[in-house]
Amino acid sequence: MTYSITGVTVICPNCVIHNSRQVLLEQIEKIKSSVKANDDWDNLSDATPKLVSLIDGYGRAAIRVQYFAGIIPARVKSISFLNLAGANKNIEKEFQIRIKDFVQPNEWSLLFKYFQRRHVVAHSLGVIDQDYINNTGDTSIRVGQIIPLDVNEILNVIDISKKLALSLNSHLAS
């Protein structure tokens, strides 16, 4: 079955299959293509929040599917993947799953750093603040500098994000 609008997640009324995986994979490819096509800072800084928002939306959709035709508890509705440490803690509490374990420790650290970079890009116009340094432990940059964004690192983050998101879905479905 195909869906006519990319980016919208729905549950098919005929087969009760959720299409969030399809949307995730299509949007990841779009972000990846954009990063590969243009590696200037403005483009990379646009890709960073798009990726994080996509993972947040997909994670939330994966959780909502668990309550299909039921009432989703408020504590579950409030789980956000914008904060990976918080998502890991809340998913573990609700579903006894540690999303941190879906990737290697060095991959988790890189994801965590890039999710924090999204925050800096979205809320501080890409200018490093003390919160970023405190949260990531990144001592390679100083407060007031523009956040460095590297095309190869972002492509790696995209692949790790995809792995994390698909693992979440398969663990929740089992």
N, C-alpha and C. Protein backbone atom coordinates (compact mmCIF):
# COMPACT_ATOMS: atom_id res chain seq x y z
N MET A 1 0.84 -1.17 0.00
CA MET A 1 0.00 0.00 0.00
C MET A 1 0.89 1.23 0.00
N THR A 2 0.52 2.25 -0.70
CA THR A 2 1.27 3.50 -0.68
C THR A 2 0.40 4.59 -0.06
N TYR A 3 1.07 5.57 0.49
CA TYR A 3 0.39 6.70 1.10
C TYR A 3 0.68 7.92 0.26
N SER A 4 -0.29 8.74 0.06
CA SER A 4 -0.14 9.86 -0.86
C SER A 4 0.59 11.05 -0.25
N ILE A 5 0.68 11.15 1.05
CA ILE A 5 1.32 12.30 1.68
C ILE A 5 2.49 11.80 2.50
N THR A 6 3.70 12.16 2.08
CA THR A 6 4.89 11.77 2.83
C THR A 6 5.02 12.67 4.04
N GLY A 7 5.35 12.09 5.16
CA GLY A 7 5.56 12.88 6.36
C GLY A 7 4.41 12.80 7.34
N VAL A 8 3.31 12.21 6.95
CA VAL A 8 2.17 12.07 7.84
C VAL A 8 2.10 10.61 8.27
N THR A 9 2.05 10.39 9.58
CA THR A 9 1.94 9.01 10.04
C THR A 9 0.49 8.71 10.36
N VAL A 10 0.07 7.56 9.89
CA VAL A 10 -1.32 7.14 10.08
C VAL A 10 -1.36 5.64 10.31
N ILE A 11 -2.48 5.20 10.83
CA ILE A 11 -2.75 3.77 10.93
C ILE A 11 -3.77 3.46 9.84
N CYS A 12 -3.43 2.53 8.98
CA CYS A 12 -4.32 2.17 7.89
C CYS A 12 -5.62 1.58 8.46
N PRO A 13 -6.75 2.11 8.05
CA PRO A 13 -8.02 1.59 8.58
C PRO A 13 -8.33 0.17 8.09
N ASN A 14 -7.70 -0.25 7.00
CA ASN A 14 -7.97 -1.60 6.47
C ASN A 14 -7.14 -2.67 7.15
N CYS A 15 -5.82 -2.40 7.28
CA CYS A 15 -4.94 -3.46 7.80
C CYS A 15 -4.39 -3.14 9.19
N VAL A 16 -4.71 -1.99 9.74
CA VAL A 16 -4.28 -1.54 11.06
C VAL A 16 -2.74 -1.54 11.19
N ILE A 17 -2.06 -1.23 10.10
CA ILE A 17 -0.61 -1.11 10.12
C ILE A 17 -0.24 0.36 10.17
N HIS A 18 0.67 0.69 11.03
CA HIS A 18 1.13 2.06 11.19
C HIS A 18 2.25 2.32 10.19
N ASN A 19 2.24 3.44 9.51
CA ASN A 19 3.23 3.72 8.48
C ASN A 19 4.40 4.58 8.95
N SER A 20 4.58 4.73 10.24
CA SER A 20 5.64 5.61 10.74
C SER A 20 7.03 5.13 10.30
N ARG A 21 7.23 3.84 10.17
CA ARG A 21 8.53 3.32 9.72
C ARG A 21 8.82 3.79 8.30
N GLN A 22 7.82 3.70 7.44
CA GLN A 22 7.96 4.15 6.05
C GLN A 22 8.30 5.64 6.01
N VAL A 23 7.59 6.43 6.78
CA VAL A 23 7.84 7.88 6.82
C VAL A 23 9.25 8.15 7.35
N LEU A 24 9.64 7.46 8.41
CA LEU A 24 10.98 7.63 8.97
C LEU A 24 12.05 7.38 7.91
N LEU A 25 11.95 6.26 7.22
CA LEU A 25 12.97 5.89 6.24
C LEU A 25 13.02 6.89 5.08
N GLU A 26 11.86 7.34 4.62
CA GLU A 26 11.82 8.32 3.52
C GLU A 26 12.43 9.65 3.96
N GLN A 27 12.08 10.10 5.15
CA GLN A 27 12.58 11.39 5.62
C GLN A 27 14.08 11.34 5.93
N ILE A 28 14.55 10.21 6.44
CA ILE A 28 15.99 10.06 6.70
C ILE A 28 16.76 10.17 5.38
N GLU A 29 16.25 9.54 4.34
CA GLU A 29 16.92 9.62 3.04
C GLU A 29 16.93 11.05 2.51
N LYS A 30 15.86 11.79 2.72
CA LYS A 30 15.81 13.19 2.29
C LYS A 30 16.86 14.03 3.04
N ILE A 31 16.95 13.83 4.33
CA ILE A 31 17.92 14.57 5.13
C ILE A 31 19.34 14.19 4.69
N LYS A 32 19.58 12.92 4.52
CA LYS A 32 20.90 12.43 4.10
C LYS A 32 21.29 13.03 2.73
N SER A 33 20.37 13.02 1.80
CA SER A 33 20.64 13.58 0.47
C SER A 33 20.95 15.06 0.56
N SER A 34 20.23 15.76 1.39
CA SER A 34 20.46 17.20 1.56
C SER A 34 21.85 17.47 2.13
N VAL A 35 22.24 16.69 3.13
CA VAL A 35 23.56 16.85 3.75
C VAL A 35 24.67 16.56 2.74
N LYS A 36 24.49 15.50 1.96
CA LYS A 36 25.51 15.13 0.96
C LYS A 36 25.61 16.17 -0.15
N ALA A 37 24.48 16.79 -0.50
CA ALA A 37 24.45 17.73 -1.62
C ALA A 37 25.06 19.09 -1.28
N ASN A 38 24.99 19.45 -0.02
CA ASN A 38 25.43 20.80 0.35
C ASN A 38 25.97 20.77 1.78
N ASP A 39 27.28 20.89 1.93
CA ASP A 39 27.88 20.77 3.26
C ASP A 39 28.20 22.11 3.92
N ASP A 40 27.52 23.18 3.49
CA ASP A 40 27.77 24.46 4.18
C ASP A 40 27.06 24.48 5.53
N TRP A 41 27.49 25.34 6.41
CA TRP A 41 27.00 25.37 7.78
C TRP A 41 25.49 25.57 7.85
N ASP A 42 24.95 26.46 7.02
CA ASP A 42 23.51 26.72 7.05
C ASP A 42 22.70 25.45 6.75
N ASN A 43 23.13 24.71 5.75
CA ASN A 43 22.42 23.49 5.41
C ASN A 43 22.56 22.45 6.52
N LEU A 44 23.77 22.29 7.04
CA LEU A 44 23.98 21.32 8.12
C LEU A 44 23.21 21.72 9.38
N SER A 45 23.12 23.01 9.63
CA SER A 45 22.38 23.46 10.82
C SER A 45 20.87 23.28 10.62
N ASP A 46 20.41 23.24 9.39
CA ASP A 46 18.99 22.92 9.12
C ASP A 46 18.75 21.41 9.28
N ALA A 47 19.71 20.61 8.86
CA ALA A 47 19.55 19.15 8.91
C ALA A 47 19.51 18.64 10.34
N THR A 48 20.29 19.27 11.23
CA THR A 48 20.39 18.79 12.62
C THR A 48 19.04 18.80 13.33
N PRO A 49 18.31 19.93 13.37
CA PRO A 49 16.99 19.89 14.03
C PRO A 49 15.96 19.04 13.28
N LYS A 50 16.07 18.98 11.96
CA LYS A 50 15.14 18.13 11.21
C LYS A 50 15.28 16.67 11.64
N LEU A 51 16.53 16.22 11.75
CA LEU A 51 16.77 14.83 12.15
C LEU A 51 16.26 14.58 13.57
N VAL A 52 16.58 15.45 14.49
CA VAL A 52 16.17 15.25 15.88
C VAL A 52 14.64 15.28 15.98
N SER A 53 14.00 16.19 15.28
CA SER A 53 12.52 16.26 15.30
C SER A 53 11.92 15.00 14.70
N LEU A 54 12.54 14.48 13.66
CA LEU A 54 12.07 13.24 13.04
C LEU A 54 12.15 12.08 14.03
N ILE A 55 13.26 11.97 14.73
CA ILE A 55 13.43 10.88 15.70
C ILE A 55 12.44 11.06 16.86
N ASP A 56 12.24 12.30 17.29
CA ASP A 56 11.26 12.57 18.36
C ASP A 56 9.86 12.15 17.91
N GLY A 57 9.47 12.56 16.71
CA GLY A 57 8.15 12.21 16.20
C GLY A 57 7.97 10.72 16.02
N TYR A 58 9.01 10.06 15.50
CA TYR A 58 8.94 8.62 15.29
C TYR A 58 8.85 7.89 16.63
N GLY A 59 9.68 8.30 17.59
CA GLY A 59 9.65 7.67 18.90
C GLY A 59 8.29 7.80 19.56
N ARG A 60 7.73 8.99 19.48
CA ARG A 60 6.39 9.22 20.06
C ARG A 60 5.34 8.36 19.35
N ALA A 61 5.44 8.26 18.02
CA ALA A 61 4.49 7.43 17.26
C ALA A 61 4.64 5.96 17.65
N ALA A 62 5.87 5.49 17.81
CA ALA A 62 6.11 4.09 18.18
C ALA A 62 5.47 3.78 19.54
N ILE A 63 5.52 4.74 20.44
CA ILE A 63 4.90 4.56 21.76
C ILE A 63 3.37 4.57 21.64
N ARG A 64 2.84 5.54 20.88
CA ARG A 64 1.38 5.65 20.75
C ARG A 64 0.76 4.38 20.16
N VAL A 65 1.46 3.74 19.23
CA VAL A 65 0.94 2.53 18.60
C VAL A 65 0.70 1.44 19.65
N GLN A 66 1.46 1.45 20.72
CA GLN A 66 1.30 0.45 21.77
C GLN A 66 -0.07 0.55 22.45
N TYR A 67 -0.70 1.71 22.30
CA TYR A 67 -1.99 1.96 22.95
C TYR A 67 -3.11 2.09 21.92
N PHE A 68 -2.93 1.50 20.74
CA PHE A 68 -3.94 1.62 19.70
C PHE A 68 -5.30 1.25 20.25
N ALA A 69 -6.25 2.11 20.00
CA ALA A 69 -7.64 1.93 20.44
C ALA A 69 -7.77 1.98 21.96
N GLY A 70 -6.74 2.48 22.64
CA GLY A 70 -6.82 2.62 24.08
C GLY A 70 -6.43 4.03 24.50
N ILE A 71 -6.53 4.26 25.77
CA ILE A 71 -6.18 5.58 26.31
C ILE A 71 -4.69 5.57 26.65
N ILE A 72 -3.99 6.58 26.13
CA ILE A 72 -2.56 6.69 26.40
C ILE A 72 -2.38 7.46 27.71
N PRO A 73 -1.73 6.86 28.70
CA PRO A 73 -1.51 7.56 29.97
C PRO A 73 -0.72 8.87 29.75
N ALA A 74 -1.04 9.88 30.50
CA ALA A 74 -0.38 11.19 30.37
C ALA A 74 1.14 11.08 30.52
N ARG A 75 1.60 10.23 31.43
CA ARG A 75 3.05 10.09 31.64
C ARG A 75 3.74 9.51 30.42
N VAL A 76 3.00 8.71 29.64
CA VAL A 76 3.56 8.14 28.41
C VAL A 76 3.48 9.17 27.28
N LYS A 77 2.39 9.91 27.21
CA LYS A 77 2.25 10.96 26.19
C LYS A 77 3.36 11.99 26.30
N SER A 78 3.82 12.22 27.50
CA SER A 78 4.81 13.28 27.71
C SER A 78 6.25 12.86 27.40
N ILE A 79 6.47 11.59 27.06
CA ILE A 79 7.83 11.15 26.74
C ILE A 79 8.30 11.86 25.47
N SER A 80 9.45 12.50 25.58
CA SER A 80 10.03 13.22 24.46
C SER A 80 11.41 12.66 24.16
N PHE A 81 11.71 12.59 22.87
CA PHE A 81 13.02 12.11 22.44
C PHE A 81 13.96 13.27 22.13
N LEU A 82 13.54 14.49 22.42
CA LEU A 82 14.44 15.63 22.27
C LEU A 82 15.54 15.57 23.31
N ASN A 83 15.22 14.98 24.44
CA ASN A 83 16.19 14.77 25.52
C ASN A 83 16.42 13.26 25.61
N LEU A 84 17.52 12.79 25.05
CA LEU A 84 17.76 11.35 24.98
C LEU A 84 17.89 10.69 26.35
N ALA A 85 18.57 11.35 27.28
CA ALA A 85 18.72 10.77 28.61
C ALA A 85 17.36 10.63 29.28
N GLY A 86 16.52 11.65 29.14
CA GLY A 86 15.17 11.59 29.70
C GLY A 86 14.33 10.53 29.03
N ALA A 87 14.44 10.42 27.70
CA ALA A 87 13.69 9.39 26.97
C ALA A 87 14.13 8.00 27.43
N ASN A 88 15.43 7.80 27.56
CA ASN A 88 15.94 6.50 28.01
C ASN A 88 15.36 6.15 29.38
N LYS A 89 15.40 7.10 30.29
CA LYS A 89 14.89 6.87 31.65
C LYS A 89 13.38 6.57 31.64
N ASN A 90 12.62 7.35 30.88
CA ASN A 90 11.16 7.17 30.87
C ASN A 90 10.72 5.92 30.12
N ILE A 91 11.41 5.57 29.04
CA ILE A 91 11.10 4.34 28.31
C ILE A 91 11.42 3.13 29.18
N GLU A 92 12.54 3.22 29.89
CA GLU A 92 12.90 2.11 30.78
C GLU A 92 11.84 1.94 31.88
N LYS A 93 11.39 3.05 32.42
CA LYS A 93 10.38 3.01 33.49
C LYS A 93 9.05 2.43 32.99
N GLU A 94 8.63 2.84 31.80
CA GLU A 94 7.32 2.42 31.28
C GLU A 94 7.33 1.06 30.59
N PHE A 95 8.43 0.75 29.89
CA PHE A 95 8.45 -0.44 29.03
C PHE A 95 9.58 -1.41 29.35
N GLN A 96 10.39 -1.11 30.37
CA GLN A 96 11.53 -1.93 30.76
C GLN A 96 12.50 -2.15 29.59
N ILE A 97 12.70 -1.10 28.82
CA ILE A 97 13.61 -1.13 27.68
C ILE A 97 14.58 0.05 27.84
N ARG A 98 15.86 -0.23 27.67
CA ARG A 98 16.87 0.85 27.70
C ARG A 98 17.28 1.16 26.26
N ILE A 99 16.78 2.29 25.74
CA ILE A 99 17.10 2.64 24.36
C ILE A 99 18.60 2.88 24.18
N LYS A 100 19.25 3.24 25.25
CA LYS A 100 20.70 3.45 25.24
C LYS A 100 21.44 2.18 24.81
N ASP A 101 20.85 1.03 25.10
CA ASP A 101 21.48 -0.25 24.78
C ASP A 101 21.29 -0.67 23.31
N PHE A 102 20.51 0.09 22.54
CA PHE A 102 20.31 -0.25 21.13
C PHE A 102 21.51 0.12 20.27
N VAL A 103 22.39 0.95 20.81
CA VAL A 103 23.57 1.40 20.07
C VAL A 103 24.80 1.21 20.95
N GLN A 104 25.97 1.30 20.36
CA GLN A 104 27.22 1.19 21.11
C GLN A 104 27.39 2.43 22.00
N PRO A 105 28.14 2.31 23.09
CA PRO A 105 28.34 3.48 23.98
C PRO A 105 28.90 4.72 23.25
N ASN A 106 29.84 4.53 22.34
CA ASN A 106 30.37 5.69 21.61
C ASN A 106 29.32 6.29 20.68
N GLU A 107 28.43 5.45 20.14
CA GLU A 107 27.34 5.95 19.30
C GLU A 107 26.33 6.74 20.13
N TRP A 108 26.01 6.24 21.33
CA TRP A 108 25.10 6.94 22.22
C TRP A 108 25.68 8.32 22.58
N SER A 109 26.97 8.37 22.87
CA SER A 109 27.61 9.65 23.21
C SER A 109 27.53 10.62 22.04
N LEU A 110 27.75 10.14 20.84
CA LEU A 110 27.67 11.01 19.66
C LEU A 110 26.24 11.49 19.44
N LEU A 111 25.26 10.60 19.58
CA LEU A 111 23.86 11.00 19.45
C LEU A 111 23.51 12.05 20.49
N PHE A 112 23.90 11.79 21.72
CA PHE A 112 23.61 12.72 22.81
C PHE A 112 24.18 14.11 22.48
N LYS A 113 25.42 14.12 22.01
CA LYS A 113 26.09 15.39 21.67
C LYS A 113 25.32 16.11 20.56
N TYR A 114 24.92 15.37 19.52
CA TYR A 114 24.22 16.01 18.41
C TYR A 114 22.81 16.45 18.78
N PHE A 115 22.15 15.73 19.66
CA PHE A 115 20.85 16.19 20.11
C PHE A 115 21.01 17.48 20.91
N GLN A 116 22.09 17.59 21.65
CA GLN A 116 22.40 18.84 22.36
C GLN A 116 22.74 19.95 21.36
N ARG A 117 23.41 19.60 20.28
CA ARG A 117 23.74 20.58 19.24
C ARG A 117 22.46 21.11 18.60
N ARG A 118 21.48 20.24 18.44
CA ARG A 118 20.19 20.70 17.92
C ARG A 118 19.63 21.79 18.80
N HIS A 119 19.76 21.60 20.10
CA HIS A 119 19.25 22.59 21.04
C HIS A 119 19.96 23.93 20.84
N VAL A 120 21.28 23.89 20.68
CA VAL A 120 22.06 25.11 20.48
C VAL A 120 21.67 25.78 19.16
N VAL A 121 21.51 24.98 18.10
CA VAL A 121 21.12 25.54 16.81
C VAL A 121 19.73 26.15 16.88
N ALA A 122 18.80 25.44 17.50
CA ALA A 122 17.41 25.89 17.54
C ALA A 122 17.17 27.05 18.49
N HIS A 123 17.89 27.09 19.60
CA HIS A 123 17.58 28.08 20.63
C HIS A 123 18.62 29.16 20.83
N SER A 124 19.82 28.97 20.27
CA SER A 124 20.89 29.96 20.47
C SER A 124 21.55 30.36 19.15
N LEU A 125 20.86 30.13 18.04
CA LEU A 125 21.39 30.47 16.72
C LEU A 125 22.75 29.86 16.45
N GLY A 126 23.02 28.71 17.06
CA GLY A 126 24.27 28.01 16.83
C GLY A 126 25.43 28.47 17.69
N VAL A 127 25.17 29.37 18.63
CA VAL A 127 26.23 29.89 19.49
C VAL A 127 26.30 29.04 20.76
N ILE A 128 27.49 28.51 21.04
CA ILE A 128 27.69 27.64 22.20
C ILE A 128 27.40 28.41 23.48
N ASP A 129 26.68 27.74 24.38
CA ASP A 129 26.44 28.30 25.71
C ASP A 129 27.01 27.34 26.76
N GLN A 130 27.02 27.77 27.98
CA GLN A 130 27.60 26.96 29.06
C GLN A 130 26.81 25.67 29.28
N ASP A 131 25.50 25.73 29.07
CA ASP A 131 24.68 24.52 29.23
C ASP A 131 25.14 23.41 28.29
N TYR A 132 25.47 23.76 27.05
CA TYR A 132 25.95 22.76 26.10
C TYR A 132 27.22 22.11 26.62
N ILE A 133 28.15 22.91 27.06
CA ILE A 133 29.42 22.38 27.57
C ILE A 133 29.19 21.53 28.81
N ASN A 134 28.33 21.99 29.72
CA ASN A 134 28.03 21.23 30.93
C ASN A 134 27.35 19.90 30.60
N ASN A 135 26.41 19.93 29.66
CA ASN A 135 25.64 18.72 29.32
C ASN A 135 26.45 17.70 28.55
N THR A 136 27.37 18.16 27.70
CA THR A 136 28.10 17.23 26.84
C THR A 136 29.51 16.94 27.33
N GLY A 137 30.06 17.83 28.16
CA GLY A 137 31.45 17.68 28.57
C GLY A 137 32.42 18.01 27.44
N ASP A 138 31.92 18.61 26.38
CA ASP A 138 32.74 18.95 25.22
C ASP A 138 33.62 20.16 25.56
N THR A 139 34.90 19.90 25.73
CA THR A 139 35.84 20.98 26.08
C THR A 139 36.63 21.45 24.86
N SER A 140 36.27 20.95 23.67
CA SER A 140 36.99 21.36 22.46
C SER A 140 36.51 22.72 21.95
N ILE A 141 35.42 23.23 22.53
CA ILE A 141 34.89 24.53 22.11
C ILE A 141 34.60 25.37 23.34
N ARG A 142 34.43 26.65 23.10
CA ARG A 142 34.21 27.59 24.20
C ARG A 142 32.87 28.30 24.04
N VAL A 143 32.37 28.80 25.14
CA VAL A 143 31.15 29.61 25.13
C VAL A 143 31.35 30.77 24.17
N GLY A 144 30.33 31.01 23.34
CA GLY A 144 30.37 32.11 22.39
C GLY A 144 30.80 31.71 20.99
N GLN A 145 31.39 30.51 20.84
CA GLN A 145 31.78 30.05 19.51
C GLN A 145 30.56 29.49 18.78
N ILE A 146 30.64 29.51 17.47
CA ILE A 146 29.59 28.87 16.66
C ILE A 146 29.82 27.36 16.72
N ILE A 147 28.74 26.63 16.89
CA ILE A 147 28.82 25.17 17.00
C ILE A 147 29.40 24.58 15.71
N PRO A 148 30.42 23.74 15.82
CA PRO A 148 30.95 23.12 14.59
C PRO A 148 30.04 21.99 14.14
N LEU A 149 29.80 21.93 12.84
CA LEU A 149 28.99 20.86 12.26
C LEU A 149 29.77 20.25 11.12
N ASP A 150 29.95 18.93 11.17
CA ASP A 150 30.77 18.22 10.19
C ASP A 150 29.88 17.27 9.40
N VAL A 151 29.97 17.32 8.08
CA VAL A 151 29.11 16.52 7.23
C VAL A 151 29.26 15.02 7.50
N ASN A 152 30.48 14.53 7.65
CA ASN A 152 30.67 13.09 7.88
C ASN A 152 30.13 12.67 9.24
N GLU A 153 30.30 13.52 10.23
CA GLU A 153 29.77 13.21 11.56
C GLU A 153 28.24 13.21 11.53
N ILE A 154 27.66 14.16 10.81
CA ILE A 154 26.19 14.20 10.72
C ILE A 154 25.67 12.97 9.98
N LEU A 155 26.34 12.55 8.92
CA LEU A 155 25.92 11.33 8.21
C LEU A 155 25.99 10.12 9.14
N ASN A 156 27.00 10.07 9.98
CA ASN A 156 27.12 9.00 10.97
C ASN A 156 25.97 9.08 11.97
N VAL A 157 25.66 10.28 12.44
CA VAL A 157 24.56 10.49 13.39
C VAL A 157 23.23 10.06 12.76
N ILE A 158 23.05 10.35 11.49
CA ILE A 158 21.83 9.93 10.79
C ILE A 158 21.70 8.41 10.83
N ASP A 159 22.78 7.70 10.53
CA ASP A 159 22.74 6.24 10.54
C ASP A 159 22.49 5.68 11.94
N ILE A 160 23.11 6.27 12.92
CA ILE A 160 22.92 5.81 14.31
C ILE A 160 21.49 6.10 14.76
N SER A 161 20.96 7.26 14.40
CA SER A 161 19.58 7.63 14.75
C SER A 161 18.59 6.65 14.15
N LYS A 162 18.84 6.28 12.91
CA LYS A 162 17.98 5.31 12.23
C LYS A 162 18.01 3.97 12.97
N LYS A 163 19.20 3.53 13.32
CA LYS A 163 19.37 2.26 14.06
C LYS A 163 18.62 2.32 15.39
N LEU A 164 18.75 3.41 16.12
CA LEU A 164 18.07 3.57 17.41
C LEU A 164 16.56 3.55 17.24
N ALA A 165 16.06 4.30 16.26
CA ALA A 165 14.61 4.40 16.06
C ALA A 165 14.01 3.06 15.65
N LEU A 166 14.65 2.38 14.73
CA LEU A 166 14.11 1.08 14.29
C LEU A 166 14.20 0.03 15.40
N SER A 167 15.24 0.11 16.20
CA SER A 167 15.36 -0.82 17.35
C SER A 167 14.26 -0.56 18.36
N LEU A 168 13.97 0.70 18.62
CA LEU A 168 12.88 1.03 19.55
C LEU A 168 11.58 0.39 19.07
N ASN A 169 11.27 0.58 17.82
CA ASN A 169 10.03 0.05 17.28
C ASN A 169 9.98 -1.47 17.38
N SER A 170 11.08 -2.14 17.03
CA SER A 170 11.05 -3.61 17.08
C SER A 170 10.97 -4.12 18.51
N HIS A 171 11.61 -3.43 19.46
CA HIS A 171 11.53 -3.87 20.86
C HIS A 171 10.14 -3.62 21.45
N LEU A 172 9.52 -2.52 21.08
CA LEU A 172 8.16 -2.26 21.57
C LEU A 172 7.15 -3.24 20.97
N ALA A 173 7.37 -3.62 19.72
CA ALA A 173 6.45 -4.52 19.03
C ALA A 173 6.55 -5.96 19.51
N SER A 174 7.68 -6.31 20.14
CA SER A 174 7.85 -7.71 20.57
C SER A 174 7.24 -7.99 21.91
